[in-house]
Amino acid sequence: MIVTKTPFRISFFGGGTDYPKYYRRHGGAVLATAIDKYCYITARYTPDLSPYRFIVVYAQTEKCRTLEEIRHPAVRECLRFAQIDRGVIIHYQGDLPARSGIGSSSSFTVGLNHALLRLRGISSSKRQLAEDSIHIEQERIKETVGSQDQASAAYGGFNHIRFGRTGSITVTPVSLPATRLRELNSHLMLFYTGIVRTASDVAESCVECMDRRETELQTIKGLVDRGLKVLTNGSPITRFGELLHEGWLAKRSLSSRVSNPAIDEMYDQAVRAGAIGGKITGAGGGGFMLLFAPPERHAGIIAELSHLTHVPFGFDRKGSRVISASSNGDEAGPA
């Protein structure tokens, strides 16, 4: 039996430029971090006497005799990709709700692919995990997703991720003193809006109009280098929050589905209570709201947004990893 632990992520700047339609023409970049909230995947071979070949437990439970019967597209395609020739039982648990803008679908794909390959005794590098998961989501499932979430989930850490016109992906850890990272983390707040949406639906509306939003996307891309400079050149950390606000305004202009009156009111409430900047994480439309505010303003913001769930978080450094590997009648491979 294999158990993997794969982080979710928060993207600060550059979201939207990580879609192949954009970066294969212009190049793209994001500044993002994995966080200490996780997706857990358990995978083991199905016992010989089971009447079902595949059992998949997530928000639903699927019991299937053939691979084609599996309704969950990521599960079905990860099993195909890993070339599993036996039945498998898969269980999923997550620290945060799915479809909430923290890269949960890609963390699921990375974690499941990691577990299934290790079940076969195959070890994958972080780069391979990211590239394979991008291939599964974009080419096999045909989801409208970018390429940053898979990299953050596989690598972990606080990274500057660049996307080349040739399709290359370069992940460069952001080297900051521990005191600077703690200062940044102490200014960040995460709230769950309770609005559930499918990221690919929102993303499609953005991707469809990319040709008409090149100026906005160039602005969003440029914020990556500006954010890095704030963090690395000793600028007041509050400037990072101001850039988040600038990025949110640019992101909202990409599509009418990125925000809505309810989200706008939540954001305005937070600003009135002392937030300097923020954004809806992921594609937008709901899910989590990231805010940047001085620590002394946090209590007031929490009170103002008392109808939302505040989720404290830290940064993750390790990325997807196997946390348990044991025999399941056959050797499952080394941990």
C-alpha atoms as a PDB file:
ATOM      1  CA  MET A   1       0.000   0.000   0.000  1.00  0.00           C
ATOM      2  CA  ILE A   2       1.275   3.477  -0.944  1.00  0.00           C
ATOM      3  CA  VAL A   3       0.269   6.759   0.698  1.00  0.00           C
ATOM      4  CA  THR A   4       1.256  10.082  -0.865  1.00  0.00           C
ATOM      5  CA  LYS A   5       1.028  13.570   0.605  1.00  0.00           C
ATOM      6  CA  THR A   6       0.850  16.403  -1.931  1.00  0.00           C
ATOM      7  CA  PRO A   7       0.543  20.123  -1.144  1.00  0.00           C
ATOM      8  CA  PHE A   8      -1.985  22.610  -2.432  1.00  0.00           C
ATOM      9  CA  ARG A   9      -0.705  25.971  -3.659  1.00  0.00           C
ATOM     10  CA  ILE A  10      -1.251  29.713  -3.698  1.00  0.00           C
ATOM     11  CA  SER A  11      -0.215  31.761  -6.717  1.00  0.00           C
ATOM     12  CA  PHE A  12       0.663  35.399  -6.077  1.00  0.00           C
ATOM     13  CA  PHE A  13       1.397  36.772  -9.536  1.00  0.00           C
ATOM     14  CA  GLY A  14       1.385  35.621 -13.155  1.00  0.00           C
ATOM     15  CA  GLY A  15      -1.703  33.407 -13.198  1.00  0.00           C
ATOM     16  CA  GLY A  16      -3.115  33.146 -16.704  1.00  0.00           C
ATOM     17  CA  THR A  17       0.292  33.336 -18.397  1.00  0.00           C
ATOM     18  CA  ASP A  18       0.818  29.644 -17.539  1.00  0.00           C
ATOM     19  CA  TYR A  19      -1.726  28.477 -20.130  1.00  0.00           C
ATOM     20  CA  PRO A  20      -0.068  26.919 -23.196  1.00  0.00           C
ATOM     21  CA  LYS A  21      -2.143  29.069 -25.524  1.00  0.00           C
ATOM     22  CA  TYR A  22      -0.416  32.108 -24.019  1.00  0.00           C
ATOM     23  CA  TYR A  23       3.106  31.021 -23.110  1.00  0.00           C
ATOM     24  CA  ARG A  24       3.810  29.202 -26.370  1.00  0.00           C
ATOM     25  CA  ARG A  25       3.434  32.598 -28.052  1.00  0.00           C
ATOM     26  CA  HIS A  26       4.725  35.030 -25.445  1.00  0.00           C
ATOM     27  CA  GLY A  27       6.381  33.072 -22.648  1.00  0.00           C
ATOM     28  CA  GLY A  28       4.904  33.075 -19.161  1.00  0.00           C
ATOM     29  CA  ALA A  29       5.865  33.265 -15.511  1.00  0.00           C
ATOM     30  CA  VAL A  30       4.301  32.892 -12.078  1.00  0.00           C
ATOM     31  CA  LEU A  31       5.351  33.503  -8.493  1.00  0.00           C
ATOM     32  CA  ALA A  32       3.740  30.846  -6.316  1.00  0.00           C
ATOM     33  CA  THR A  33       4.144  28.816  -3.165  1.00  0.00           C
ATOM     34  CA  ALA A  34       3.023  25.416  -1.995  1.00  0.00           C
ATOM     35  CA  ILE A  35       1.221  25.586   1.365  1.00  0.00           C
ATOM     36  CA  ASP A  36       0.954  23.267   4.349  1.00  0.00           C
ATOM     37  CA  LYS A  37      -2.494  21.980   3.391  1.00  0.00           C
ATOM     38  CA  TYR A  38      -2.472  18.625   1.638  1.00  0.00           C
ATOM     39  CA  CYS A  39      -4.095  16.039  -0.574  1.00  0.00           C
ATOM     40  CA  TYR A  40      -3.625  12.446   0.668  1.00  0.00           C
ATOM     41  CA  ILE A  41      -3.902   9.512  -1.726  1.00  0.00           C
ATOM     42  CA  THR A  42      -3.872   5.856  -0.691  1.00  0.00           C
ATOM     43  CA  ALA A  43      -3.437   3.215  -3.383  1.00  0.00           C
ATOM     44  CA  ARG A  44      -3.223  -0.558  -3.027  1.00  0.00           C
ATOM     45  CA  TYR A  45      -3.904  -3.568  -5.180  1.00  0.00           C
ATOM     46  CA  THR A  46      -7.407  -4.999  -5.017  1.00  0.00           C
ATOM     47  CA  PRO A  47      -7.655  -8.363  -3.184  1.00  0.00           C
ATOM     48  CA  ASP A  48      -8.085 -11.314  -5.526  1.00  0.00           C
ATOM     49  CA  LEU A  49     -11.533 -12.213  -4.165  1.00  0.00           C
ATOM     50  CA  SER A  50     -13.026  -8.745  -4.598  1.00  0.00           C
ATOM     51  CA  PRO A  51     -16.003  -8.667  -7.011  1.00  0.00           C
ATOM     52  CA  TYR A  52     -14.753  -5.286  -8.272  1.00  0.00           C
ATOM     53  CA  ARG A  53     -11.458  -4.571  -9.992  1.00  0.00           C
ATOM     54  CA  PHE A  54     -11.406  -0.864  -9.098  1.00  0.00           C
ATOM     55  CA  ILE A  55     -12.756   0.888  -6.002  1.00  0.00           C
ATOM     56  CA  VAL A  56     -12.347   4.673  -5.867  1.00  0.00           C
ATOM     57  CA  VAL A  57     -13.362   6.660  -2.793  1.00  0.00           C
ATOM     58  CA  TYR A  58     -13.507  10.473  -2.903  1.00  0.00           C
ATOM     59  CA  ALA A  59     -16.656  12.619  -2.492  1.00  0.00           C
ATOM     60  CA  GLN A  60     -18.332   9.635  -4.129  1.00  0.00           C
ATOM     61  CA  THR A  61     -17.561   5.921  -4.123  1.00  0.00           C
ATOM     62  CA  GLU A  62     -17.116   4.121  -7.424  1.00  0.00           C
ATOM     63  CA  LYS A  63     -17.016   0.329  -7.664  1.00  0.00           C
ATOM     64  CA  CYS A  64     -16.085  -0.754 -11.173  1.00  0.00           C
ATOM     65  CA  ARG A  65     -15.248  -3.962 -12.971  1.00  0.00           C
ATOM     66  CA  THR A  66     -13.447  -2.266 -15.858  1.00  0.00           C
ATOM     67  CA  LEU A  67     -11.270   0.800 -16.289  1.00  0.00           C
ATOM     68  CA  GLU A  68     -13.727   2.315 -18.763  1.00  0.00           C
ATOM     69  CA  GLU A  69     -16.478   2.340 -16.123  1.00  0.00           C
ATOM     70  CA  ILE A  70     -14.564   4.781 -13.885  1.00  0.00           C
ATOM     71  CA  ARG A  71     -16.287   8.158 -14.077  1.00  0.00           C
ATOM     72  CA  HIS A  72     -13.581  10.243 -12.402  1.00  0.00           C
ATOM     73  CA  PRO A  73     -11.463  11.375 -15.375  1.00  0.00           C
ATOM     74  CA  ALA A  74      -8.197  11.922 -13.476  1.00  0.00           C
ATOM     75  CA  VAL A  75      -8.422   8.501 -11.833  1.00  0.00           C
ATOM     76  CA  ARG A  76      -9.186   6.767 -15.119  1.00  0.00           C
ATOM     77  CA  GLU A  77      -6.400   8.499 -17.042  1.00  0.00           C
ATOM     78  CA  CYS A  78      -3.800   8.178 -14.271  1.00  0.00           C
ATOM     79  CA  LEU A  79      -4.470   4.437 -14.178  1.00  0.00           C
ATOM     80  CA  ARG A  80      -4.042   4.281 -17.947  1.00  0.00           C
ATOM     81  CA  PHE A  81      -0.871   6.358 -17.818  1.00  0.00           C
ATOM     82  CA  ALA A  82       0.687   4.233 -15.069  1.00  0.00           C
ATOM     83  CA  GLN A  83      -0.158   1.087 -17.062  1.00  0.00           C
ATOM     84  CA  ILE A  84      -1.514  -0.694 -14.008  1.00  0.00           C
ATOM     85  CA  ASP A  85      -2.343  -4.261 -15.023  1.00  0.00           C
ATOM     86  CA  ARG A  86      -4.159  -5.196 -11.809  1.00  0.00           C
ATOM     87  CA  GLY A  87      -7.133  -3.902  -9.868  1.00  0.00           C
ATOM     88  CA  VAL A  88      -6.513  -0.975  -7.522  1.00  0.00           C
ATOM     89  CA  ILE A  89      -8.308   0.540  -4.521  1.00  0.00           C
ATOM     90  CA  ILE A  90      -7.852   4.316  -4.242  1.00  0.00           C
ATOM     91  CA  HIS A  91      -8.839   6.599  -1.353  1.00  0.00           C
ATOM     92  CA  TYR A  92      -8.636  10.407  -1.410  1.00  0.00           C
ATOM     93  CA  GLN A  93      -8.719  12.845   1.510  1.00  0.00           C
ATOM     94  CA  GLY A  94      -7.979  16.571   1.419  1.00  0.00           C
ATOM     95  CA  ASP A  95      -7.353  19.239   4.039  1.00  0.00           C
ATOM     96  CA  LEU A  96      -9.310  21.811   2.009  1.00  0.00           C
ATOM     97  CA  PRO A  97     -12.419  21.610  -0.194  1.00  0.00           C
ATOM     98  CA  ALA A  98     -12.078  20.717  -3.853  1.00  0.00           C
ATOM     99  CA  ARG A  99     -12.865  23.270  -6.585  1.00  0.00           C
ATOM    100  CA  SER A 100     -11.720  26.131  -4.378  1.00  0.00           C
ATOM    101  CA  GLY A 101      -8.793  27.723  -6.234  1.00  0.00           C
ATOM    102  CA  ILE A 102      -5.863  26.189  -4.380  1.00  0.00           C
ATOM    103  CA  GLY A 103      -4.812  23.810  -7.163  1.00  0.00           C
ATOM    104  CA  SER A 104      -6.633  20.823  -5.702  1.00  0.00           C
ATOM    105  CA  SER A 105      -7.315  19.045  -9.005  1.00  0.00           C
ATOM    106  CA  SER A 106      -3.657  19.160 -10.020  1.00  0.00           C
ATOM    107  CA  SER A 107      -2.505  18.139  -6.537  1.00  0.00           C
ATOM    108  CA  PHE A 108      -4.849  15.171  -6.861  1.00  0.00           C
ATOM    109  CA  THR A 109      -3.392  14.234 -10.257  1.00  0.00           C
ATOM    110  CA  VAL A 110       0.208  14.638  -9.067  1.00  0.00           C
ATOM    111  CA  GLY A 111      -0.422  12.683  -5.855  1.00  0.00           C
ATOM    112  CA  LEU A 112      -2.332   9.882  -7.587  1.00  0.00           C
ATOM    113  CA  ASN A 113       0.205   9.547 -10.395  1.00  0.00           C
ATOM    114  CA  HIS A 114       2.960   9.460  -7.770  1.00  0.00           C
ATOM    115  CA  ALA A 115       1.173   6.729  -5.791  1.00  0.00           C
ATOM    116  CA  LEU A 116       0.364   4.536  -8.797  1.00  0.00           C
ATOM    117  CA  LEU A 117       3.880   4.677 -10.215  1.00  0.00           C
ATOM    118  CA  ARG A 118       5.380   3.852  -6.816  1.00  0.00           C
ATOM    119  CA  LEU A 119       2.883   1.004  -6.483  1.00  0.00           C
ATOM    120  CA  ARG A 120       4.605  -0.429  -9.552  1.00  0.00           C
ATOM    121  CA  GLY A 121       7.996   0.196  -7.969  1.00  0.00           C
ATOM    122  CA  ILE A 122       8.772   3.192 -10.196  1.00  0.00           C
ATOM    123  CA  SER A 123      10.343   6.328  -8.703  1.00  0.00           C
ATOM    124  CA  SER A 124       9.773   9.661 -10.463  1.00  0.00           C
ATOM    125  CA  SER A 125      11.683  12.925 -10.163  1.00  0.00           C
ATOM    126  CA  LYS A 126       9.788  16.091  -9.266  1.00  0.00           C
ATOM    127  CA  ARG A 127      10.210  17.316 -12.833  1.00  0.00           C
ATOM    128  CA  GLN A 128       8.807  14.087 -14.242  1.00  0.00           C
ATOM    129  CA  LEU A 129       5.847  14.147 -11.867  1.00  0.00           C
ATOM    130  CA  ALA A 130       5.020  17.697 -12.932  1.00  0.00           C
ATOM    131  CA  GLU A 131       5.425  17.039 -16.663  1.00  0.00           C
ATOM    132  CA  ASP A 132       3.466  13.784 -16.557  1.00  0.00           C
ATOM    133  CA  SER A 133       0.609  15.415 -14.664  1.00  0.00           C
ATOM    134  CA  ILE A 134       0.475  18.335 -17.106  1.00  0.00           C
ATOM    135  CA  HIS A 135       0.280  15.800 -19.935  1.00  0.00           C
ATOM    136  CA  ILE A 136      -2.518  13.853 -18.212  1.00  0.00           C
ATOM    137  CA  GLU A 137      -4.639  16.937 -17.502  1.00  0.00           C
ATOM    138  CA  GLN A 138      -4.066  18.881 -20.719  1.00  0.00           C
ATOM    139  CA  GLU A 139      -3.664  16.113 -23.315  1.00  0.00           C
ATOM    140  CA  ARG A 140      -5.541  13.093 -21.969  1.00  0.00           C
ATOM    141  CA  ILE A 141      -8.391  14.643 -19.983  1.00  0.00           C
ATOM    142  CA  LYS A 142      -8.476  17.767 -22.199  1.00  0.00           C
ATOM    143  CA  GLU A 143      -9.055  20.067 -19.239  1.00  0.00           C
ATOM    144  CA  THR A 144      -8.639  23.818 -19.685  1.00  0.00           C
ATOM    145  CA  VAL A 145      -5.891  24.134 -17.084  1.00  0.00           C
ATOM    146  CA  GLY A 146      -2.566  25.893 -16.875  1.00  0.00           C
ATOM    147  CA  SER A 147       0.828  24.411 -16.060  1.00  0.00           C
ATOM    148  CA  GLN A 148       1.732  26.047 -12.745  1.00  0.00           C
ATOM    149  CA  ASP A 149      -0.355  23.979 -10.321  1.00  0.00           C
ATOM    150  CA  GLN A 150       1.286  20.679 -11.232  1.00  0.00           C
ATOM    151  CA  ALA A 151       4.756  22.192 -10.779  1.00  0.00           C
ATOM    152  CA  SER A 152       3.929  23.653  -7.355  1.00  0.00           C
ATOM    153  CA  ALA A 153       2.388  20.367  -6.212  1.00  0.00           C
ATOM    154  CA  ALA A 154       5.307  18.259  -7.407  1.00  0.00           C
ATOM    155  CA  TYR A 155       8.191  20.521  -6.338  1.00  0.00           C
ATOM    156  CA  GLY A 156       6.794  22.263  -3.255  1.00  0.00           C
ATOM    157  CA  GLY A 157       8.480  25.418  -1.990  1.00  0.00           C
ATOM    158  CA  PHE A 158       8.279  29.092  -2.909  1.00  0.00           C
ATOM    159  CA  ASN A 159       9.116  29.321  -6.601  1.00  0.00           C
ATOM    160  CA  HIS A 160       9.584  31.498  -9.657  1.00  0.00           C
ATOM    161  CA  ILE A 161       8.189  29.282 -12.424  1.00  0.00           C
ATOM    162  CA  ARG A 162       8.858  30.215 -16.054  1.00  0.00           C
ATOM    163  CA  PHE A 163       7.169  28.834 -19.148  1.00  0.00           C
ATOM    164  CA  GLY A 164       9.018  28.999 -22.462  1.00  0.00           C
ATOM    165  CA  ARG A 165       7.688  29.359 -25.973  1.00  0.00           C
ATOM    166  CA  THR A 166       8.997  25.869 -26.721  1.00  0.00           C
ATOM    167  CA  GLY A 167       6.924  24.448 -23.869  1.00  0.00           C
ATOM    168  CA  SER A 168       9.840  24.277 -21.408  1.00  0.00           C
ATOM    169  CA  ILE A 169       9.112  24.767 -17.704  1.00  0.00           C
ATOM    170  CA  THR A 170      11.804  26.062 -15.337  1.00  0.00           C
ATOM    171  CA  VAL A 171      11.243  25.992 -11.578  1.00  0.00           C
ATOM    172  CA  THR A 172      13.602  28.256  -9.606  1.00  0.00           C
ATOM    173  CA  PRO A 173      13.298  28.332  -5.798  1.00  0.00           C
ATOM    174  CA  VAL A 174      13.075  31.864  -4.420  1.00  0.00           C
ATOM    175  CA  SER A 175      15.960  32.245  -1.990  1.00  0.00           C
ATOM    176  CA  LEU A 176      14.881  34.429   0.919  1.00  0.00           C
ATOM    177  CA  PRO A 177      16.094  34.735   4.504  1.00  0.00           C
ATOM    178  CA  ALA A 178      13.874  32.886   6.947  1.00  0.00           C
ATOM    179  CA  THR A 179      12.985  36.200   8.594  1.00  0.00           C
ATOM    180  CA  ARG A 180      11.693  37.605   5.293  1.00  0.00           C
ATOM    181  CA  LEU A 181       9.594  34.500   4.618  1.00  0.00           C
ATOM    182  CA  ARG A 182       8.109  34.702   8.107  1.00  0.00           C
ATOM    183  CA  GLU A 183       7.375  38.389   7.586  1.00  0.00           C
ATOM    184  CA  LEU A 184       5.542  37.633   4.342  1.00  0.00           C
ATOM    185  CA  ASN A 185       3.625  34.711   5.851  1.00  0.00           C
ATOM    186  CA  SER A 186       2.598  36.847   8.836  1.00  0.00           C
ATOM    187  CA  HIS A 187       0.901  39.326   6.491  1.00  0.00           C
ATOM    188  CA  LEU A 188      -1.106  36.729   4.559  1.00  0.00           C
ATOM    189  CA  MET A 189      -4.642  35.563   5.337  1.00  0.00           C
ATOM    190  CA  LEU A 190      -6.783  32.954   3.622  1.00  0.00           C
ATOM    191  CA  PHE A 191     -10.593  32.882   3.750  1.00  0.00           C
ATOM    192  CA  TYR A 192     -12.954  30.311   2.287  1.00  0.00           C
ATOM    193  CA  THR A 193     -15.816  32.080   0.527  1.00  0.00           C
ATOM    194  CA  GLY A 194     -17.998  28.977   0.351  1.00  0.00           C
ATOM    195  CA  ILE A 195     -18.578  29.593  -3.360  1.00  0.00           C
ATOM    196  CA  VAL A 196     -17.881  26.361  -5.252  1.00  0.00           C
ATOM    197  CA  ARG A 197     -16.951  26.566  -8.912  1.00  0.00           C
ATOM    198  CA  THR A 198     -15.211  24.466 -11.554  1.00  0.00           C
ATOM    199  CA  ALA A 199     -11.903  26.120 -12.405  1.00  0.00           C
ATOM    200  CA  SER A 200     -11.856  24.935 -16.005  1.00  0.00           C
ATOM    201  CA  ASP A 201     -15.217  26.643 -16.655  1.00  0.00           C
ATOM    202  CA  VAL A 202     -13.870  29.996 -15.424  1.00  0.00           C
ATOM    203  CA  ALA A 203     -10.541  29.406 -17.174  1.00  0.00           C
ATOM    204  CA  GLU A 204     -12.254  28.749 -20.498  1.00  0.00           C
ATOM    205  CA  SER A 205     -13.811  32.195 -20.411  1.00  0.00           C
ATOM    206  CA  CYS A 206     -10.346  33.704 -19.843  1.00  0.00           C
ATOM    207  CA  VAL A 207      -8.565  31.572 -22.444  1.00  0.00           C
ATOM    208  CA  GLU A 208     -11.172  32.364 -25.093  1.00  0.00           C
ATOM    209  CA  CYS A 209     -10.402  36.074 -24.859  1.00  0.00           C
ATOM    210  CA  MET A 210      -6.605  35.909 -24.412  1.00  0.00           C
ATOM    211  CA  ASP A 211      -5.965  37.397 -27.829  1.00  0.00           C
ATOM    212  CA  ARG A 212      -7.990  40.448 -26.813  1.00  0.00           C
ATOM    213  CA  ARG A 213      -6.407  40.722 -23.351  1.00  0.00           C
ATOM    214  CA  GLU A 214      -2.714  40.730 -24.235  1.00  0.00           C
ATOM    215  CA  THR A 215      -2.104  44.075 -22.502  1.00  0.00           C
ATOM    216  CA  GLU A 216      -3.656  42.840 -19.247  1.00  0.00           C
ATOM    217  CA  LEU A 217      -1.719  39.562 -19.396  1.00  0.00           C
ATOM    218  CA  GLN A 218       1.549  41.424 -19.971  1.00  0.00           C
ATOM    219  CA  THR A 219       0.756  43.471 -16.868  1.00  0.00           C
ATOM    220  CA  ILE A 220       0.038  40.295 -14.902  1.00  0.00           C
ATOM    221  CA  LYS A 221       3.287  38.722 -16.126  1.00  0.00           C
ATOM    222  CA  GLY A 222       5.285  41.863 -15.272  1.00  0.00           C
ATOM    223  CA  LEU A 223       4.075  41.714 -11.669  1.00  0.00           C
ATOM    224  CA  VAL A 224       6.122  38.538 -11.168  1.00  0.00           C
ATOM    225  CA  ASP A 225       9.451  40.364 -11.463  1.00  0.00           C
ATOM    226  CA  ARG A 226       8.140  43.335  -9.519  1.00  0.00           C
ATOM    227  CA  GLY A 227       6.989  41.061  -6.694  1.00  0.00           C
ATOM    228  CA  LEU A 228      10.341  39.281  -6.643  1.00  0.00           C
ATOM    229  CA  LYS A 229      12.164  42.606  -6.371  1.00  0.00           C
ATOM    230  CA  VAL A 230      10.056  43.661  -3.404  1.00  0.00           C
ATOM    231  CA  LEU A 231      10.902  40.437  -1.604  1.00  0.00           C
ATOM    232  CA  THR A 232      14.615  40.419  -2.413  1.00  0.00           C
ATOM    233  CA  ASN A 233      15.730  44.063  -2.350  1.00  0.00           C
ATOM    234  CA  GLY A 234      14.603  44.998   1.141  1.00  0.00           C
ATOM    235  CA  SER A 235      11.558  47.045   0.124  1.00  0.00           C
ATOM    236  CA  PRO A 236       8.811  47.462   2.733  1.00  0.00           C
ATOM    237  CA  ILE A 237       6.775  44.262   2.695  1.00  0.00           C
ATOM    238  CA  THR A 238       3.580  46.304   2.359  1.00  0.00           C
ATOM    239  CA  ARG A 239       4.568  46.973  -1.260  1.00  0.00           C
ATOM    240  CA  PHE A 240       3.901  43.271  -1.932  1.00  0.00           C
ATOM    241  CA  GLY A 241       0.312  43.776  -0.815  1.00  0.00           C
ATOM    242  CA  GLU A 242      -0.083  46.795  -3.079  1.00  0.00           C
ATOM    243  CA  LEU A 243       1.089  44.691  -6.020  1.00  0.00           C
ATOM    244  CA  LEU A 244      -1.451  42.000  -5.110  1.00  0.00           C
ATOM    245  CA  HIS A 245      -4.189  44.627  -5.349  1.00  0.00           C
ATOM    246  CA  GLU A 246      -2.847  45.778  -8.715  1.00  0.00           C
ATOM    247  CA  GLY A 247      -2.799  42.185  -9.915  1.00  0.00           C
ATOM    248  CA  TRP A 248      -6.372  41.578  -8.737  1.00  0.00           C
ATOM    249  CA  LEU A 249      -7.618  44.528 -10.741  1.00  0.00           C
ATOM    250  CA  ALA A 250      -5.849  43.219 -13.843  1.00  0.00           C
ATOM    251  CA  LYS A 251      -7.129  39.675 -13.270  1.00  0.00           C
ATOM    252  CA  ARG A 252     -10.726  40.851 -12.887  1.00  0.00           C
ATOM    253  CA  SER A 253     -10.510  42.513 -16.297  1.00  0.00           C
ATOM    254  CA  LEU A 254      -9.778  39.176 -18.038  1.00  0.00           C
ATOM    255  CA  SER A 255     -13.341  37.857 -17.758  1.00  0.00           C
ATOM    256  CA  SER A 256     -16.642  38.719 -16.122  1.00  0.00           C
ATOM    257  CA  ARG A 257     -16.536  35.267 -14.470  1.00  0.00           C
ATOM    258  CA  VAL A 258     -13.385  35.980 -12.427  1.00  0.00           C
ATOM    259  CA  SER A 259     -15.388  37.932  -9.852  1.00  0.00           C
ATOM    260  CA  ASN A 260     -19.003  38.718  -8.997  1.00  0.00           C
ATOM    261  CA  PRO A 261     -20.849  41.188  -6.731  1.00  0.00           C
ATOM    262  CA  ALA A 262     -20.576  38.901  -3.690  1.00  0.00           C
ATOM    263  CA  ILE A 263     -16.806  38.510  -4.089  1.00  0.00           C
ATOM    264  CA  ASP A 264     -16.365  42.233  -4.745  1.00  0.00           C
ATOM    265  CA  GLU A 265     -18.224  43.031  -1.517  1.00  0.00           C
ATOM    266  CA  MET A 266     -16.077  40.573   0.487  1.00  0.00           C
ATOM    267  CA  TYR A 267     -12.931  42.171  -0.893  1.00  0.00           C
ATOM    268  CA  ASP A 268     -14.180  45.693  -0.205  1.00  0.00           C
ATOM    269  CA  GLN A 269     -15.077  44.709   3.365  1.00  0.00           C
ATOM    270  CA  ALA A 270     -11.552  43.399   3.886  1.00  0.00           C
ATOM    271  CA  VAL A 271      -9.984  46.580   2.511  1.00  0.00           C
ATOM    272  CA  ARG A 272     -12.174  48.731   4.756  1.00  0.00           C
ATOM    273  CA  ALA A 273     -10.983  46.634   7.714  1.00  0.00           C
ATOM    274  CA  GLY A 274      -7.323  47.143   6.865  1.00  0.00           C
ATOM    275  CA  ALA A 275      -6.294  44.777   4.049  1.00  0.00           C
ATOM    276  CA  ILE A 276      -3.791  46.297   1.610  1.00  0.00           C
ATOM    277  CA  GLY A 277      -4.441  43.879  -1.237  1.00  0.00           C
ATOM    278  CA  GLY A 278      -5.551  40.393  -2.151  1.00  0.00           C
ATOM    279  CA  LYS A 279      -7.174  38.219  -4.782  1.00  0.00           C
ATOM    280  CA  ILE A 280      -9.388  35.240  -5.372  1.00  0.00           C
ATOM    281  CA  THR A 281      -7.011  32.300  -5.706  1.00  0.00           C
ATOM    282  CA  GLY A 282      -6.882  30.162  -8.812  1.00  0.00           C
ATOM    283  CA  ALA A 283      -8.995  30.932 -11.852  1.00  0.00           C
ATOM    284  CA  GLY A 284     -11.473  32.988  -9.806  1.00  0.00           C
ATOM    285  CA  GLY A 285     -15.215  32.856  -9.443  1.00  0.00           C
ATOM    286  CA  GLY A 286     -15.176  31.613  -5.857  1.00  0.00           C
ATOM    287  CA  GLY A 287     -13.184  29.322  -3.612  1.00  0.00           C
ATOM    288  CA  PHE A 288     -10.547  30.989  -1.432  1.00  0.00           C
ATOM    289  CA  MET A 289      -9.718  34.653  -1.013  1.00  0.00           C
ATOM    290  CA  LEU A 290      -6.105  35.541  -0.222  1.00  0.00           C
ATOM    291  CA  LEU A 291      -5.576  38.807   1.647  1.00  0.00           C
ATOM    292  CA  PHE A 292      -2.485  40.794   2.591  1.00  0.00           C
ATOM    293  CA  ALA A 293      -2.691  42.900   5.744  1.00  0.00           C
ATOM    294  CA  PRO A 294      -0.481  44.035   8.631  1.00  0.00           C
ATOM    295  CA  PRO A 295      -0.721  41.468  11.464  1.00  0.00           C
ATOM    296  CA  GLU A 296      -2.243  44.039  13.820  1.00  0.00           C
ATOM    297  CA  ARG A 297      -5.213  44.345  11.432  1.00  0.00           C
ATOM    298  CA  HIS A 298      -5.937  40.622  11.235  1.00  0.00           C
ATOM    299  CA  ALA A 299      -8.338  40.462  14.177  1.00  0.00           C
ATOM    300  CA  GLY A 300     -10.459  43.264  12.719  1.00  0.00           C
ATOM    301  CA  ILE A 301     -10.542  41.632   9.282  1.00  0.00           C
ATOM    302  CA  ILE A 302     -11.560  38.287  10.781  1.00  0.00           C
ATOM    303  CA  ALA A 303     -14.377  40.043  12.645  1.00  0.00           C
ATOM    304  CA  GLU A 304     -15.494  41.896   9.510  1.00  0.00           C
ATOM    305  CA  LEU A 305     -15.491  38.653   7.498  1.00  0.00           C
ATOM    306  CA  SER A 306     -17.010  36.549  10.254  1.00  0.00           C
ATOM    307  CA  HIS A 307     -19.364  34.917   7.731  1.00  0.00           C
ATOM    308  CA  LEU A 308     -16.308  33.373   6.040  1.00  0.00           C
ATOM    309  CA  THR A 309     -13.956  30.664   7.332  1.00  0.00           C
ATOM    310  CA  HIS A 310     -10.454  31.889   8.140  1.00  0.00           C
ATOM    311  CA  VAL A 311      -7.779  29.260   7.368  1.00  0.00           C
ATOM    312  CA  PRO A 312      -4.313  29.962   8.846  1.00  0.00           C
ATOM    313  CA  PHE A 313      -1.517  28.452   6.759  1.00  0.00           C
ATOM    314  CA  GLY A 314       2.232  28.200   6.308  1.00  0.00           C
ATOM    315  CA  PHE A 315       4.510  27.332   3.402  1.00  0.00           C
ATOM    316  CA  ASP A 316       5.402  23.784   2.305  1.00  0.00           C
ATOM    317  CA  ARG A 317       8.967  23.035   1.185  1.00  0.00           C
ATOM    318  CA  LYS A 318       8.908  19.370   0.141  1.00  0.00           C
ATOM    319  CA  GLY A 319       6.272  18.902  -2.546  1.00  0.00           C
ATOM    320  CA  SER A 320       4.630  15.570  -3.286  1.00  0.00           C
ATOM    321  CA  ARG A 321       6.116  12.703  -1.289  1.00  0.00           C
ATOM    322  CA  VAL A 322       5.448   9.111  -0.314  1.00  0.00           C
ATOM    323  CA  ILE A 323       4.780   8.998   3.424  1.00  0.00           C
ATOM    324  CA  SER A 324       4.051   5.264   3.675  1.00  0.00           C
ATOM    325  CA  ALA A 325       4.941   2.250   1.541  1.00  0.00           C
ATOM    326  CA  SER A 326       4.172  -1.274   2.660  1.00  0.00           C
ATOM    327  CA  SER A 327       3.751  -4.705   1.116  1.00  0.00           C
ATOM    328  CA  ASN A 328       0.344  -5.599  -0.292  1.00  0.00           C
ATOM    329  CA  GLY A 329       0.940  -9.254  -0.992  1.00  0.00           C
ATOM    330  CA  ASP A 330       3.531  -8.080  -3.546  1.00  0.00           C
ATOM    331  CA  GLU A 331       6.317  -5.610  -3.021  1.00  0.00           C
ATOM    332  CA  ALA A 332       5.046  -2.075  -3.545  1.00  0.00           C
ATOM    333  CA  GLY A 333       8.477  -0.564  -4.039  1.00  0.00           C
ATOM    334  CA  PRO A 334      10.769   1.381  -1.717  1.00  0.00           C
ATOM    335  CA  ALA A 335       9.602   4.460   0.222  1.00  0.00           C
END
